[in-house]
């Protein structure tokens, strides 16, 4: 059956089913398609909002609800997409902004990058991220 193709142990499968069940607000064993990203993230995945939107758009469900059995292949496809890069690759990408080569980044420049490139953060999210990180230099 579908569940056995999941590559999860029985214990993991049980834990995932329990976590999925926490999002079942109607008691019908299904979640609303709008909750897909929340459930994936609750299970340790980190899909982008764009990925979640595409996955949700691919779901053909008359009542916009998703059973655990139908969720599992989606979870596995997200899980199989390994991390886009290692910590070293991430650090290397930030070195571009280390003008003095001293391991620091200008917070104004970082703020600009975070609010204008890739999956953009809003000002409040950047403020939360940088709280306590900025010094007076």
C-alpha atoms as a PDB file:
ATOM      1  CA  UNK A   1       0.000   0.000   0.000  1.00  0.00           C
ATOM      2  CA  UNK A   2       0.923   3.666  -0.280  1.00  0.00           C
ATOM      3  CA  UNK A   3       2.249   3.963   3.270  1.00  0.00           C
ATOM      4  CA  UNK A   4       4.898   1.272   2.787  1.00  0.00           C
ATOM      5  CA  UNK A   5       6.385   3.302  -0.069  1.00  0.00           C
ATOM      6  CA  UNK A   6       6.994   6.109   2.380  1.00  0.00           C
ATOM      7  CA  UNK A   7      10.471   4.966   3.493  1.00  0.00           C
ATOM      8  CA  UNK A   8       9.469   5.786   7.069  1.00  0.00           C
ATOM      9  CA  UNK A   9       9.734   3.310   9.925  1.00  0.00           C
ATOM     10  CA  UNK A  10       6.484   2.206  11.571  1.00  0.00           C
ATOM     11  CA  UNK A  11       7.302   4.468  14.550  1.00  0.00           C
ATOM     12  CA  UNK A  12       7.923   7.471  12.292  1.00  0.00           C
ATOM     13  CA  UNK A  13       4.761   6.725  10.347  1.00  0.00           C
ATOM     14  CA  UNK A  14       2.784   6.635  13.586  1.00  0.00           C
ATOM     15  CA  UNK A  15       4.344   9.921  14.792  1.00  0.00           C
ATOM     16  CA  UNK A  16       3.634  11.592  11.447  1.00  0.00           C
ATOM     17  CA  UNK A  17       0.046  10.337  11.446  1.00  0.00           C
ATOM     18  CA  UNK A  18      -0.395  11.735  14.993  1.00  0.00           C
ATOM     19  CA  UNK A  19       1.085  15.109  14.008  1.00  0.00           C
ATOM     20  CA  UNK A  20      -1.117  15.185  10.891  1.00  0.00           C
ATOM     21  CA  UNK A  21      -4.115  14.443  13.111  1.00  0.00           C
ATOM     22  CA  UNK A  22      -3.438  17.545  15.209  1.00  0.00           C
ATOM     23  CA  UNK A  23      -4.346  19.644  12.154  1.00  0.00           C
ATOM     24  CA  UNK A  24      -7.601  17.724  11.510  1.00  0.00           C
ATOM     25  CA  UNK A  25     -10.151  20.249  12.750  1.00  0.00           C
ATOM     26  CA  UNK A  26     -13.251  18.388  11.508  1.00  0.00           C
ATOM     27  CA  UNK A  27     -12.417  14.927  12.855  1.00  0.00           C
ATOM     28  CA  UNK A  28     -12.706  13.351   9.400  1.00  0.00           C
ATOM     29  CA  UNK A  29      -9.067  12.228   9.179  1.00  0.00           C
ATOM     30  CA  UNK A  30      -8.247  14.997   6.714  1.00  0.00           C
ATOM     31  CA  UNK A  31      -6.654  18.444   6.754  1.00  0.00           C
ATOM     32  CA  UNK A  32      -7.611  21.491   4.769  1.00  0.00           C
ATOM     33  CA  UNK A  33      -5.351  22.016   1.745  1.00  0.00           C
ATOM     34  CA  UNK A  34      -4.527  25.490   3.141  1.00  0.00           C
ATOM     35  CA  UNK A  35      -2.785  23.762   6.084  1.00  0.00           C
ATOM     36  CA  UNK A  36      -0.367  21.806   3.875  1.00  0.00           C
ATOM     37  CA  UNK A  37       2.637  24.073   4.552  1.00  0.00           C
ATOM     38  CA  UNK A  38       1.978  24.111   8.306  1.00  0.00           C
ATOM     39  CA  UNK A  39       1.807  20.314   8.471  1.00  0.00           C
ATOM     40  CA  UNK A  40       4.970  19.879   6.367  1.00  0.00           C
ATOM     41  CA  UNK A  41       6.829  22.325   8.623  1.00  0.00           C
ATOM     42  CA  UNK A  42       5.480  20.646  11.773  1.00  0.00           C
ATOM     43  CA  UNK A  43       7.042  17.446  10.446  1.00  0.00           C
ATOM     44  CA  UNK A  44      10.456  19.059  10.101  1.00  0.00           C
ATOM     45  CA  UNK A  45      10.374  20.053   6.440  1.00  0.00           C
ATOM     46  CA  UNK A  46      11.097  23.564   5.210  1.00  0.00           C
ATOM     47  CA  UNK A  47       9.350  24.133   1.878  1.00  0.00           C
ATOM     48  CA  UNK A  48       9.231  27.660   0.500  1.00  0.00           C
ATOM     49  CA  UNK A  49       5.862  29.400   0.278  1.00  0.00           C
ATOM     50  CA  UNK A  50       6.101  29.065  -3.519  1.00  0.00           C
ATOM     51  CA  UNK A  51       6.644  25.286  -3.249  1.00  0.00           C
ATOM     52  CA  UNK A  52       3.677  24.928  -0.892  1.00  0.00           C
ATOM     53  CA  UNK A  53       1.496  26.967  -3.244  1.00  0.00           C
ATOM     54  CA  UNK A  54       2.466  24.738  -6.181  1.00  0.00           C
ATOM     55  CA  UNK A  55       1.927  21.527  -4.186  1.00  0.00           C
ATOM     56  CA  UNK A  56      -1.473  22.771  -2.982  1.00  0.00           C
ATOM     57  CA  UNK A  57      -2.403  23.750  -6.531  1.00  0.00           C
ATOM     58  CA  UNK A  58      -1.627  20.212  -7.736  1.00  0.00           C
ATOM     59  CA  UNK A  59      -4.112  18.675  -5.276  1.00  0.00           C
ATOM     60  CA  UNK A  60      -7.350  17.662  -6.933  1.00  0.00           C
ATOM     61  CA  UNK A  61      -9.888  17.475  -4.137  1.00  0.00           C
ATOM     62  CA  UNK A  62     -13.533  18.484  -4.391  1.00  0.00           C
ATOM     63  CA  UNK A  63     -13.755  19.469  -0.725  1.00  0.00           C
ATOM     64  CA  UNK A  64     -10.228  20.967  -0.544  1.00  0.00           C
ATOM     65  CA  UNK A  65      -9.346  18.372   2.089  1.00  0.00           C
ATOM     66  CA  UNK A  66      -6.436  15.954   2.139  1.00  0.00           C
ATOM     67  CA  UNK A  67      -6.209  12.534   3.806  1.00  0.00           C
ATOM     68  CA  UNK A  68      -3.013  11.262   5.440  1.00  0.00           C
ATOM     69  CA  UNK A  69      -2.679   8.655   2.669  1.00  0.00           C
ATOM     70  CA  UNK A  70      -2.795  11.416   0.039  1.00  0.00           C
ATOM     71  CA  UNK A  71      -0.507  13.637   2.110  1.00  0.00           C
ATOM     72  CA  UNK A  72       2.250  11.030   2.454  1.00  0.00           C
ATOM     73  CA  UNK A  73       3.479  11.104  -1.182  1.00  0.00           C
ATOM     74  CA  UNK A  74       3.574  14.919  -0.984  1.00  0.00           C
ATOM     75  CA  UNK A  75       5.577  14.723   2.248  1.00  0.00           C
ATOM     76  CA  UNK A  76       7.989  12.238   0.662  1.00  0.00           C
ATOM     77  CA  UNK A  77       8.516  14.422  -2.411  1.00  0.00           C
ATOM     78  CA  UNK A  78       9.327  17.425  -0.212  1.00  0.00           C
ATOM     79  CA  UNK A  79      11.541  15.308   2.057  1.00  0.00           C
ATOM     80  CA  UNK A  80      13.449  13.834  -0.883  1.00  0.00           C
ATOM     81  CA  UNK A  81      14.471  17.295  -2.061  1.00  0.00           C
ATOM     82  CA  UNK A  82      17.595  17.512   0.031  1.00  0.00           C
ATOM     83  CA  UNK A  83      18.813  20.753   1.531  1.00  0.00           C
ATOM     84  CA  UNK A  84      19.752  23.161  -1.212  1.00  0.00           C
ATOM     85  CA  UNK A  85      23.207  23.584   0.261  1.00  0.00           C
ATOM     86  CA  UNK A  86      25.456  22.913   3.154  1.00  0.00           C
ATOM     87  CA  UNK A  87      26.300  25.322   5.940  1.00  0.00           C
ATOM     88  CA  UNK A  88      29.667  25.874   4.249  1.00  0.00           C
ATOM     89  CA  UNK A  89      27.952  26.860   0.989  1.00  0.00           C
ATOM     90  CA  UNK A  90      25.690  29.257   2.887  1.00  0.00           C
ATOM     91  CA  UNK A  91      28.660  30.886   4.634  1.00  0.00           C
ATOM     92  CA  UNK A  92      30.504  31.128   1.328  1.00  0.00           C
ATOM     93  CA  UNK A  93      27.485  32.937  -0.138  1.00  0.00           C
ATOM     94  CA  UNK A  94      27.568  35.465   2.705  1.00  0.00           C
ATOM     95  CA  UNK A  95      31.290  36.147   2.202  1.00  0.00           C
ATOM     96  CA  UNK A  96      30.339  38.301  -0.788  1.00  0.00           C
ATOM     97  CA  UNK A  97      29.025  40.847   1.719  1.00  0.00           C
ATOM     98  CA  UNK A  98      32.070  40.710   4.032  1.00  0.00           C
ATOM     99  CA  UNK A  99      33.763  43.803   2.595  1.00  0.00           C
ATOM    100  CA  UNK A 100      36.598  43.925   5.139  1.00  0.00           C
ATOM    101  CA  UNK A 101      37.208  40.160   5.169  1.00  0.00           C
ATOM    102  CA  UNK A 102      36.781  40.090   8.949  1.00  0.00           C
ATOM    103  CA  UNK A 103      33.775  37.767   9.192  1.00  0.00           C
ATOM    104  CA  UNK A 104      31.138  40.472   9.596  1.00  0.00           C
ATOM    105  CA  UNK A 105      28.447  41.902   7.336  1.00  0.00           C
ATOM    106  CA  UNK A 106      27.053  45.430   7.299  1.00  0.00           C
ATOM    107  CA  UNK A 107      23.549  45.089   8.780  1.00  0.00           C
ATOM    108  CA  UNK A 108      22.090  47.685   6.398  1.00  0.00           C
ATOM    109  CA  UNK A 109      23.338  45.640   3.451  1.00  0.00           C
ATOM    110  CA  UNK A 110      22.090  42.375   4.965  1.00  0.00           C
ATOM    111  CA  UNK A 111      18.700  43.983   5.655  1.00  0.00           C
ATOM    112  CA  UNK A 112      18.507  45.042   1.992  1.00  0.00           C
ATOM    113  CA  UNK A 113      19.343  41.528   0.760  1.00  0.00           C
ATOM    114  CA  UNK A 114      16.807  39.883   3.101  1.00  0.00           C
ATOM    115  CA  UNK A 115      13.996  42.196   2.007  1.00  0.00           C
ATOM    116  CA  UNK A 116      14.702  42.238  -1.723  1.00  0.00           C
ATOM    117  CA  UNK A 117      16.160  38.905  -2.896  1.00  0.00           C
ATOM    118  CA  UNK A 118      14.794  35.364  -3.023  1.00  0.00           C
ATOM    119  CA  UNK A 119      11.923  34.648  -0.669  1.00  0.00           C
ATOM    120  CA  UNK A 120      11.690  38.188   0.671  1.00  0.00           C
ATOM    121  CA  UNK A 121      11.242  38.918   4.354  1.00  0.00           C
ATOM    122  CA  UNK A 122       9.243  41.904   5.562  1.00  0.00           C
ATOM    123  CA  UNK A 123      10.796  44.564   7.832  1.00  0.00           C
ATOM    124  CA  UNK A 124       9.280  43.025  10.981  1.00  0.00           C
ATOM    125  CA  UNK A 125      10.757  39.590  10.146  1.00  0.00           C
ATOM    126  CA  UNK A 126      14.182  41.146   9.541  1.00  0.00           C
ATOM    127  CA  UNK A 127      13.932  43.068  12.821  1.00  0.00           C
ATOM    128  CA  UNK A 128      13.205  39.788  14.650  1.00  0.00           C
ATOM    129  CA  UNK A 129      16.090  38.052  12.893  1.00  0.00           C
ATOM    130  CA  UNK A 130      18.606  40.785  13.635  1.00  0.00           C
ATOM    131  CA  UNK A 131      17.547  41.535  17.224  1.00  0.00           C
ATOM    132  CA  UNK A 132      20.672  41.490  19.374  1.00  0.00           C
ATOM    133  CA  UNK A 133      22.930  40.829  16.379  1.00  0.00           C
ATOM    134  CA  UNK A 134      23.733  44.374  15.393  1.00  0.00           C
ATOM    135  CA  UNK A 135      26.513  46.295  17.087  1.00  0.00           C
ATOM    136  CA  UNK A 136      27.199  50.016  17.040  1.00  0.00           C
ATOM    137  CA  UNK A 137      29.884  49.833  14.327  1.00  0.00           C
END
